[in-house]
Every structure is written in C-alpha cells, then in structure tokens.
Amino acid sequence: MILDRETRCRAMLALAGFFGLFALAMTTGMAFDDAPAQYDVAVIQTVQDYSEARGLSDYINTLGDYWWAVFIFATVLLVTGSRLLGRPIQGWRCRSEAIAGFAVAISLLPLNALTKALVESPRPDATLGVFVDYTRGTHGFPSGHVYNDVLFYGVMAVYAPMWVGPRLVPVVRGVAVAIILLAGWSRMVVGAHWPSDVLGGYLWGMAALALVIGVATIIGRRFHPQRLQV
C-alpha cells in the first residue's frame, strides 16, 4: 500500500502521544501503588489455569530473549542493501527511512530499564497463589519482553520490504504480529509478570514504535522525498 508520508508522519506522532499519555498515567499510578493491582492475581490465575500450551510460551519467551539476534541480522541486510531471498536495493537514499527507523528504535532501548528503575514494582510472588517458574531479581513494571517485542519486531515488520524479498514480507509480518500478540500471554504463563506489567509493556512499546515510525518518516522524507511503499 502506498502511503503519503505527511499523513503517515502525523498519524504516527499522534499515536505515539496517545499511547504515551496512557503509559505515563499508568506508570505514575504503579509508582504510587505497587503490584499486584486489584485485577492482577485473578487475571494471571485465569491465564495460568487455561494455559495448556506452556511449550508455546517457552518458544515465544525465547524469541523475546533473542530479539537482538534477529535485529542484528536484519540491520546487516538493511545497511548493506541486501535482501533475504530478494534482489538488493541500490542506493542508501532508498533505504534512508528504514535505516533511520532501526537507529531510532535502538536509541529507545533504555526506556524500559529506566521506567523499571523509577517504578520499582515487584514481580509475581508464588505465595500469592500464582505459578512462578523461577525467581527473577529485577523489577516487573513494565514488561521488558513485551516492550522489546513490540518495538523491535514491530519496526522489523514495518520495514520488512527493505531487508527481505517480496515473497517473505507477509511471512515476516505475520510472525512478528504473532510474537507481539503472544508476548504478554507468555510472560504471564510462566509467572514472570503481572497483567499490569504486560499492559504497561504494550503501552510503552506501542508509543515507542509509533514514535520510531514518525521520526523515521521525517528523516526519510528529507533524504528521499518520494513516497515509500511499505
């Protein structure tokens, strides 16, 4: 689909502000009222009671652990102009928006750790009647796995035409969407995060992803003013 860059830029920046306001409001609330939130225990118990596919959650969590490996692979292809199972793209100007998007995404990586340090929210506790696969020594809110999956798998999906061939674009995007949608569920299944942590991860992740696309669009428009097919 051909999108007008000006329209897309405004829409993405508006979305970034929308999700960012909700994320900030929730973060402020969590800073003054530690997890679990009122609904946390009931929701995570329900998720764990009806989660027969724990093996699937392990796969999703592993993909969340190693997002950086896929991202580095995509970055190398993007920077060199190569495409997996596709013809190379000549000229860096054609790839300027995607390169900017990848760079801005990396710059937003510390946002999750900073938020965790400010909120200092506890993770799920087995004494509250929930399953916890192992004790983690870090804070819970917002979920880093969810945030990273939304941001990095999201930006790789958006700019998939710049680093994979046309036939692989739907596959890459489908897998990325599946990982993003299942990330929150998988973190609750293993008892790594409360539902409030997961929601915070999605809100901050969506705000960051929309901001990345908006900023990258501005940069790409400057270096390559033609419309971009995404």
C-alpha atoms as a PDB file:
ATOM      1  CA  MET A   1       0.000   0.000   0.000  1.00  0.00           C
ATOM      2  CA  ILE A   2       1.281   3.459  -0.934  1.00  0.00           C
ATOM      3  CA  LEU A   3       1.085   5.905   1.946  1.00  0.00           C
ATOM      4  CA  ASP A   4       1.526   9.646   1.869  1.00  0.00           C
ATOM      5  CA  ARG A   5       4.468  10.405   4.127  1.00  0.00           C
ATOM      6  CA  GLU A   6       2.996  13.599   5.562  1.00  0.00           C
ATOM      7  CA  THR A   7      -0.212  11.820   6.558  1.00  0.00           C
ATOM      8  CA  ARG A   8       1.654   8.835   7.962  1.00  0.00           C
ATOM      9  CA  CYS A   9       4.015  11.046   9.947  1.00  0.00           C
ATOM     10  CA  ARG A  10       1.168  12.961  11.585  1.00  0.00           C
ATOM     11  CA  ALA A  11      -0.771   9.779  12.328  1.00  0.00           C
ATOM     12  CA  MET A  12       2.216   8.047  13.919  1.00  0.00           C
ATOM     13  CA  LEU A  13       3.183  11.005  16.071  1.00  0.00           C
ATOM     14  CA  ALA A  14      -0.437  11.321  17.208  1.00  0.00           C
ATOM     15  CA  LEU A  15      -0.491   7.615  18.086  1.00  0.00           C
ATOM     16  CA  ALA A  16       2.791   7.985  19.954  1.00  0.00           C
ATOM     17  CA  GLY A  17       1.265  10.760  22.024  1.00  0.00           C
ATOM     18  CA  PHE A  18      -1.940   8.780  22.601  1.00  0.00           C
ATOM     19  CA  PHE A  19      -0.212   5.618  23.833  1.00  0.00           C
ATOM     20  CA  GLY A  20       2.433   7.656  25.627  1.00  0.00           C
ATOM     21  CA  LEU A  21      -0.150   9.529  27.715  1.00  0.00           C
ATOM     22  CA  PHE A  22      -1.829   6.295  28.787  1.00  0.00           C
ATOM     23  CA  ALA A  23       1.556   4.703  29.501  1.00  0.00           C
ATOM     24  CA  LEU A  24       2.658   7.683  31.565  1.00  0.00           C
ATOM     25  CA  ALA A  25      -0.601   7.731  33.526  1.00  0.00           C
ATOM     26  CA  MET A  26      -0.344   4.019  34.276  1.00  0.00           C
ATOM     27  CA  THR A  27       3.330   4.325  35.200  1.00  0.00           C
ATOM     28  CA  THR A  28       2.531   7.132  37.638  1.00  0.00           C
ATOM     29  CA  GLY A  29      -0.176   5.022  39.249  1.00  0.00           C
ATOM     30  CA  MET A  30       2.112   1.994  39.559  1.00  0.00           C
ATOM     31  CA  ALA A  31       4.818   4.150  41.132  1.00  0.00           C
ATOM     32  CA  PHE A  32       2.471   5.058  43.986  1.00  0.00           C
ATOM     33  CA  ASP A  33       0.691   1.690  44.268  1.00  0.00           C
ATOM     34  CA  ASP A  34       2.904  -1.379  43.842  1.00  0.00           C
ATOM     35  CA  ALA A  35       1.778  -4.520  42.052  1.00  0.00           C
ATOM     36  CA  PRO A  36      -0.234  -6.600  42.238  1.00  0.00           C
ATOM     37  CA  ALA A  37      -3.012  -4.312  41.074  1.00  0.00           C
ATOM     38  CA  GLN A  38      -6.583  -5.117  42.037  1.00  0.00           C
ATOM     39  CA  TYR A  39      -7.136  -7.327  38.994  1.00  0.00           C
ATOM     40  CA  ASP A  40      -3.643  -8.840  38.701  1.00  0.00           C
ATOM     41  CA  VAL A  41      -3.968 -12.006  40.774  1.00  0.00           C
ATOM     42  CA  ALA A  42      -7.332 -13.052  39.344  1.00  0.00           C
ATOM     43  CA  VAL A  43      -6.276 -12.446  35.738  1.00  0.00           C
ATOM     44  CA  ILE A  44      -2.932 -14.233  35.945  1.00  0.00           C
ATOM     45  CA  GLN A  45      -4.516 -17.208  37.736  1.00  0.00           C
ATOM     46  CA  THR A  46      -7.107 -17.472  34.966  1.00  0.00           C
ATOM     47  CA  VAL A  47      -4.414 -17.284  32.287  1.00  0.00           C
ATOM     48  CA  GLN A  48      -2.354 -19.973  34.005  1.00  0.00           C
ATOM     49  CA  ASP A  49      -5.377 -22.214  34.662  1.00  0.00           C
ATOM     50  CA  TYR A  50      -6.302 -22.279  30.966  1.00  0.00           C
ATOM     51  CA  SER A  51      -2.802 -22.298  29.539  1.00  0.00           C
ATOM     52  CA  GLU A  52      -2.267 -25.851  28.318  1.00  0.00           C
ATOM     53  CA  ALA A  53       0.324 -24.828  25.732  1.00  0.00           C
ATOM     54  CA  ARG A  54       3.207 -23.966  28.043  1.00  0.00           C
ATOM     55  CA  GLY A  55       5.588 -25.192  25.366  1.00  0.00           C
ATOM     56  CA  LEU A  56       4.400 -22.446  23.041  1.00  0.00           C
ATOM     57  CA  SER A  57       5.029 -19.845  25.728  1.00  0.00           C
ATOM     58  CA  ASP A  58       8.587 -21.110  26.035  1.00  0.00           C
ATOM     59  CA  TYR A  59       9.148 -20.540  22.310  1.00  0.00           C
ATOM     60  CA  ILE A  60       7.693 -17.036  22.454  1.00  0.00           C
ATOM     61  CA  ASN A  61       9.772 -16.164  25.515  1.00  0.00           C
ATOM     62  CA  THR A  62      12.898 -17.450  23.772  1.00  0.00           C
ATOM     63  CA  LEU A  63      12.173 -15.255  20.755  1.00  0.00           C
ATOM     64  CA  GLY A  64      11.795 -12.385  23.209  1.00  0.00           C
ATOM     65  CA  ASP A  65      15.175 -13.214  24.726  1.00  0.00           C
ATOM     66  CA  TYR A  66      16.932 -13.215  21.358  1.00  0.00           C
ATOM     67  CA  TRP A  67      15.179 -10.372  19.508  1.00  0.00           C
ATOM     68  CA  TRP A  68      18.601  -8.716  19.248  1.00  0.00           C
ATOM     69  CA  ALA A  69      19.992 -11.552  17.104  1.00  0.00           C
ATOM     70  CA  VAL A  70      17.186 -11.192  14.557  1.00  0.00           C
ATOM     71  CA  PHE A  71      17.515  -7.409  14.705  1.00  0.00           C
ATOM     72  CA  ILE A  72      21.266  -7.501  14.052  1.00  0.00           C
ATOM     73  CA  PHE A  73      20.717  -9.852  11.115  1.00  0.00           C
ATOM     74  CA  ALA A  74      18.072  -7.525   9.647  1.00  0.00           C
ATOM     75  CA  THR A  75      20.281  -4.492  10.273  1.00  0.00           C
ATOM     76  CA  VAL A  76      23.213  -6.006   8.373  1.00  0.00           C
ATOM     77  CA  LEU A  77      20.975  -6.764   5.401  1.00  0.00           C
ATOM     78  CA  LEU A  78      19.448  -3.285   5.523  1.00  0.00           C
ATOM     79  CA  VAL A  79      22.710  -1.365   5.776  1.00  0.00           C
ATOM     80  CA  THR A  80      24.381  -3.372   3.020  1.00  0.00           C
ATOM     81  CA  GLY A  81      21.360  -3.091   0.730  1.00  0.00           C
ATOM     82  CA  SER A  82      20.930  -6.865   0.628  1.00  0.00           C
ATOM     83  CA  ARG A  83      17.575  -8.605   0.925  1.00  0.00           C
ATOM     84  CA  LEU A  84      16.879 -12.143   2.071  1.00  0.00           C
ATOM     85  CA  LEU A  85      15.548 -14.032  -0.975  1.00  0.00           C
ATOM     86  CA  GLY A  86      15.213 -10.787  -2.872  1.00  0.00           C
ATOM     87  CA  ARG A  87      17.134  -8.501  -5.167  1.00  0.00           C
ATOM     88  CA  PRO A  88      19.488  -5.967  -3.489  1.00  0.00           C
ATOM     89  CA  ILE A  89      18.292  -2.372  -3.134  1.00  0.00           C
ATOM     90  CA  GLN A  90      20.744   0.044  -4.678  1.00  0.00           C
ATOM     91  CA  GLY A  91      21.355   3.436  -3.094  1.00  0.00           C
ATOM     92  CA  TRP A  92      21.163   4.254   0.596  1.00  0.00           C
ATOM     93  CA  ARG A  93      18.646   7.033  -0.038  1.00  0.00           C
ATOM     94  CA  CYS A  94      16.029   4.422  -0.896  1.00  0.00           C
ATOM     95  CA  ARG A  95      16.654   2.819   2.476  1.00  0.00           C
ATOM     96  CA  SER A  96      17.128   6.008   4.484  1.00  0.00           C
ATOM     97  CA  GLU A  97      13.763   5.825   6.267  1.00  0.00           C
ATOM     98  CA  ALA A  98      14.239   2.191   7.271  1.00  0.00           C
ATOM     99  CA  ILE A  99      17.802   2.822   8.450  1.00  0.00           C
ATOM    100  CA  ALA A 100      16.575   5.785  10.499  1.00  0.00           C
ATOM    101  CA  GLY A 101      13.801   3.634  11.972  1.00  0.00           C
ATOM    102  CA  PHE A 102      16.234   0.939  13.083  1.00  0.00           C
ATOM    103  CA  ALA A 103      18.571   3.550  14.587  1.00  0.00           C
ATOM    104  CA  VAL A 104      15.821   5.368  16.489  1.00  0.00           C
ATOM    105  CA  ALA A 105      14.497   2.028  17.807  1.00  0.00           C
ATOM    106  CA  ILE A 106      17.916   1.222  19.271  1.00  0.00           C
ATOM    107  CA  SER A 107      18.054   4.655  20.910  1.00  0.00           C
ATOM    108  CA  LEU A 108      14.773   3.872  22.718  1.00  0.00           C
ATOM    109  CA  LEU A 109      16.035   0.567  24.134  1.00  0.00           C
ATOM    110  CA  PRO A 110      16.987   2.065  27.559  1.00  0.00           C
ATOM    111  CA  LEU A 111      13.471   3.478  28.088  1.00  0.00           C
ATOM    112  CA  ASN A 112      12.177   0.237  29.598  1.00  0.00           C
ATOM    113  CA  ALA A 113      15.062  -0.138  32.045  1.00  0.00           C
ATOM    114  CA  LEU A 114      14.697   3.486  33.105  1.00  0.00           C
ATOM    115  CA  THR A 115      10.975   3.059  33.743  1.00  0.00           C
ATOM    116  CA  LYS A 116      11.585  -0.110  35.754  1.00  0.00           C
ATOM    117  CA  ALA A 117      14.140   1.702  37.912  1.00  0.00           C
ATOM    118  CA  LEU A 118      11.765   4.572  38.582  1.00  0.00           C
ATOM    119  CA  VAL A 119       8.719   2.451  39.431  1.00  0.00           C
ATOM    120  CA  GLU A 120      10.472  -0.421  41.279  1.00  0.00           C
ATOM    121  CA  SER A 121       7.435  -2.685  41.007  1.00  0.00           C
ATOM    122  CA  PRO A 122       7.652  -6.272  42.332  1.00  0.00           C
ATOM    123  CA  ARG A 123       7.196  -9.321  40.125  1.00  0.00           C
ATOM    124  CA  PRO A 124       4.660 -12.127  40.781  1.00  0.00           C
ATOM    125  CA  ASP A 125       5.079 -13.954  44.064  1.00  0.00           C
ATOM    126  CA  ALA A 126       4.255 -17.654  44.408  1.00  0.00           C
ATOM    127  CA  THR A 127       2.954 -17.033  47.943  1.00  0.00           C
ATOM    128  CA  LEU A 128       0.012 -15.189  46.358  1.00  0.00           C
ATOM    129  CA  GLY A 129      -1.198 -18.344  44.673  1.00  0.00           C
ATOM    130  CA  VAL A 130       0.352 -17.960  41.218  1.00  0.00           C
ATOM    131  CA  PHE A 131       2.830 -20.145  39.370  1.00  0.00           C
ATOM    132  CA  VAL A 132       6.361 -18.710  39.079  1.00  0.00           C
ATOM    133  CA  ASP A 133       8.882 -20.744  37.089  1.00  0.00           C
ATOM    134  CA  TYR A 134      11.873 -19.130  38.810  1.00  0.00           C
ATOM    135  CA  THR A 135      12.690 -16.054  40.866  1.00  0.00           C
ATOM    136  CA  ARG A 136      13.907 -13.040  38.906  1.00  0.00           C
ATOM    137  CA  GLY A 137      15.985 -10.374  40.587  1.00  0.00           C
ATOM    138  CA  THR A 138      14.717  -7.415  38.563  1.00  0.00           C
ATOM    139  CA  HIS A 139      11.654  -5.189  38.792  1.00  0.00           C
ATOM    140  CA  GLY A 140       8.463  -6.020  36.937  1.00  0.00           C
ATOM    141  CA  PHE A 141       6.763  -2.926  35.529  1.00  0.00           C
ATOM    142  CA  PRO A 142       6.719  -2.579  32.578  1.00  0.00           C
ATOM    143  CA  SER A 143       7.444  -5.933  30.979  1.00  0.00           C
ATOM    144  CA  GLY A 144      10.725  -5.690  29.102  1.00  0.00           C
ATOM    145  CA  HIS A 145       9.947  -8.696  26.901  1.00  0.00           C
ATOM    146  CA  VAL A 146       6.680  -7.162  25.749  1.00  0.00           C
ATOM    147  CA  TYR A 147       8.222  -3.730  25.222  1.00  0.00           C
ATOM    148  CA  ASN A 148      11.133  -5.108  23.192  1.00  0.00           C
ATOM    149  CA  ASP A 149       8.916  -7.416  21.141  1.00  0.00           C
ATOM    150  CA  VAL A 150       6.513  -4.623  20.213  1.00  0.00           C
ATOM    151  CA  LEU A 151       9.297  -2.167  19.398  1.00  0.00           C
ATOM    152  CA  PHE A 152      11.867  -4.296  17.610  1.00  0.00           C
ATOM    153  CA  TYR A 153       9.748  -6.979  15.955  1.00  0.00           C
ATOM    154  CA  GLY A 154       7.367  -4.145  15.091  1.00  0.00           C
ATOM    155  CA  VAL A 155       9.978  -1.999  13.353  1.00  0.00           C
ATOM    156  CA  MET A 156      11.359  -5.029  11.512  1.00  0.00           C
ATOM    157  CA  ALA A 157       7.845  -5.834  10.282  1.00  0.00           C
ATOM    158  CA  VAL A 158       7.116  -2.267   9.161  1.00  0.00           C
ATOM    159  CA  TYR A 159      10.315  -2.053   7.120  1.00  0.00           C
ATOM    160  CA  ALA A 160      10.368  -5.694   6.018  1.00  0.00           C
ATOM    161  CA  PRO A 161      10.338  -4.757   2.289  1.00  0.00           C
ATOM    162  CA  MET A 162      13.738  -3.127   2.795  1.00  0.00           C
ATOM    163  CA  TRP A 163      15.503  -6.278   4.066  1.00  0.00           C
ATOM    164  CA  VAL A 164      13.578  -9.296   2.752  1.00  0.00           C
ATOM    165  CA  GLY A 165      12.230 -10.188  -0.673  1.00  0.00           C
ATOM    166  CA  PRO A 166       8.583  -9.555  -1.608  1.00  0.00           C
ATOM    167  CA  ARG A 167       7.516 -13.160  -1.002  1.00  0.00           C
ATOM    168  CA  LEU A 168       8.896 -13.096   2.524  1.00  0.00           C
ATOM    169  CA  VAL A 169       7.298  -9.800   3.576  1.00  0.00           C
ATOM    170  CA  PRO A 170       3.909 -11.334   4.571  1.00  0.00           C
ATOM    171  CA  VAL A 171       5.704 -14.134   6.415  1.00  0.00           C
ATOM    172  CA  VAL A 172       7.921 -11.746   8.383  1.00  0.00           C
ATOM    173  CA  ARG A 173       4.990  -9.536   9.252  1.00  0.00           C
ATOM    174  CA  GLY A 174       2.768 -12.453  10.222  1.00  0.00           C
ATOM    175  CA  VAL A 175       5.418 -13.936  12.520  1.00  0.00           C
ATOM    176  CA  ALA A 176       6.148 -10.527  14.062  1.00  0.00           C
ATOM    177  CA  VAL A 177       2.474  -9.874  14.793  1.00  0.00           C
ATOM    178  CA  ALA A 178       2.098 -13.343  16.329  1.00  0.00           C
ATOM    179  CA  ILE A 179       5.107 -12.806  18.595  1.00  0.00           C
ATOM    180  CA  ILE A 180       3.813  -9.388  19.683  1.00  0.00           C
ATOM    181  CA  LEU A 181       0.298 -10.644  20.419  1.00  0.00           C
ATOM    182  CA  LEU A 182       1.513 -13.712  22.332  1.00  0.00           C
ATOM    183  CA  ALA A 183       4.287 -11.950  24.247  1.00  0.00           C
ATOM    184  CA  GLY A 184       2.072 -10.762  27.100  1.00  0.00           C
ATOM    185  CA  TRP A 185       0.336 -14.108  27.457  1.00  0.00           C
ATOM    186  CA  SER A 186       3.650 -15.975  27.511  1.00  0.00           C
ATOM    187  CA  ARG A 187       5.046 -13.752  30.270  1.00  0.00           C
ATOM    188  CA  MET A 188       2.010 -14.408  32.454  1.00  0.00           C
ATOM    189  CA  VAL A 189       2.000 -18.164  31.793  1.00  0.00           C
ATOM    190  CA  VAL A 190       5.471 -18.572  33.324  1.00  0.00           C
ATOM    191  CA  GLY A 191       4.744 -16.114  36.139  1.00  0.00           C
ATOM    192  CA  ALA A 192       7.336 -13.588  35.004  1.00  0.00           C
ATOM    193  CA  HIS A 193       4.965 -10.610  35.013  1.00  0.00           C
ATOM    194  CA  TRP A 194       1.661  -9.402  36.369  1.00  0.00           C
ATOM    195  CA  PRO A 195      -1.031  -8.407  33.852  1.00  0.00           C
ATOM    196  CA  SER A 196      -0.379  -4.767  34.791  1.00  0.00           C
ATOM    197  CA  ASP A 197       3.294  -5.237  33.831  1.00  0.00           C
ATOM    198  CA  VAL A 198       2.203  -6.676  30.492  1.00  0.00           C
ATOM    199  CA  LEU A 199      -0.225  -3.835  29.812  1.00  0.00           C
ATOM    200  CA  GLY A 200       2.481  -1.314  30.642  1.00  0.00           C
ATOM    201  CA  GLY A 201       4.857  -3.052  28.237  1.00  0.00           C
ATOM    202  CA  TYR A 202       2.303  -2.886  25.431  1.00  0.00           C
ATOM    203  CA  LEU A 203       1.507   0.789  26.063  1.00  0.00           C
ATOM    204  CA  TRP A 204       5.148   1.892  26.191  1.00  0.00           C
ATOM    205  CA  GLY A 205       6.020  -0.407  23.280  1.00  0.00           C
ATOM    206  CA  MET A 206       3.262   0.970  21.060  1.00  0.00           C
ATOM    207  CA  ALA A 207       4.189   4.542  21.964  1.00  0.00           C
ATOM    208  CA  ALA A 208       7.851   3.868  21.130  1.00  0.00           C
ATOM    209  CA  LEU A 209       7.045   2.069  17.854  1.00  0.00           C
ATOM    210  CA  ALA A 210       4.746   4.860  16.658  1.00  0.00           C
ATOM    211  CA  LEU A 211       7.386   7.433  17.580  1.00  0.00           C
ATOM    212  CA  VAL A 212      10.038   5.498  15.660  1.00  0.00           C
ATOM    213  CA  ILE A 213       7.909   5.397  12.510  1.00  0.00           C
ATOM    214  CA  GLY A 214       7.018   9.069  12.817  1.00  0.00           C
ATOM    215  CA  VAL A 215      10.596  10.241  13.293  1.00  0.00           C
ATOM    216  CA  ALA A 216      11.907   7.880  10.606  1.00  0.00           C
ATOM    217  CA  THR A 217       9.319   9.224   8.177  1.00  0.00           C
ATOM    218  CA  ILE A 218      10.546  12.776   8.767  1.00  0.00           C
ATOM    219  CA  ILE A 219      14.155  11.743   8.192  1.00  0.00           C
ATOM    220  CA  GLY A 220      13.314   9.620   5.162  1.00  0.00           C
ATOM    221  CA  ARG A 221      11.290  12.419   3.582  1.00  0.00           C
ATOM    222  CA  ARG A 222      14.298  14.697   3.821  1.00  0.00           C
ATOM    223  CA  PHE A 223      16.674  12.314   2.092  1.00  0.00           C
ATOM    224  CA  HIS A 224      14.249  10.602  -0.277  1.00  0.00           C
ATOM    225  CA  PRO A 225      11.154  12.733  -0.891  1.00  0.00           C
ATOM    226  CA  GLN A 226       9.301  10.149  -2.964  1.00  0.00           C
ATOM    227  CA  ARG A 227       6.530   8.125  -1.344  1.00  0.00           C
ATOM    228  CA  LEU A 228       7.521   4.833   0.248  1.00  0.00           C
ATOM    229  CA  GLN A 229       5.737   1.537  -0.341  1.00  0.00           C
ATOM    230  CA  VAL A 230       5.525  -0.379   2.963  1.00  0.00           C
END
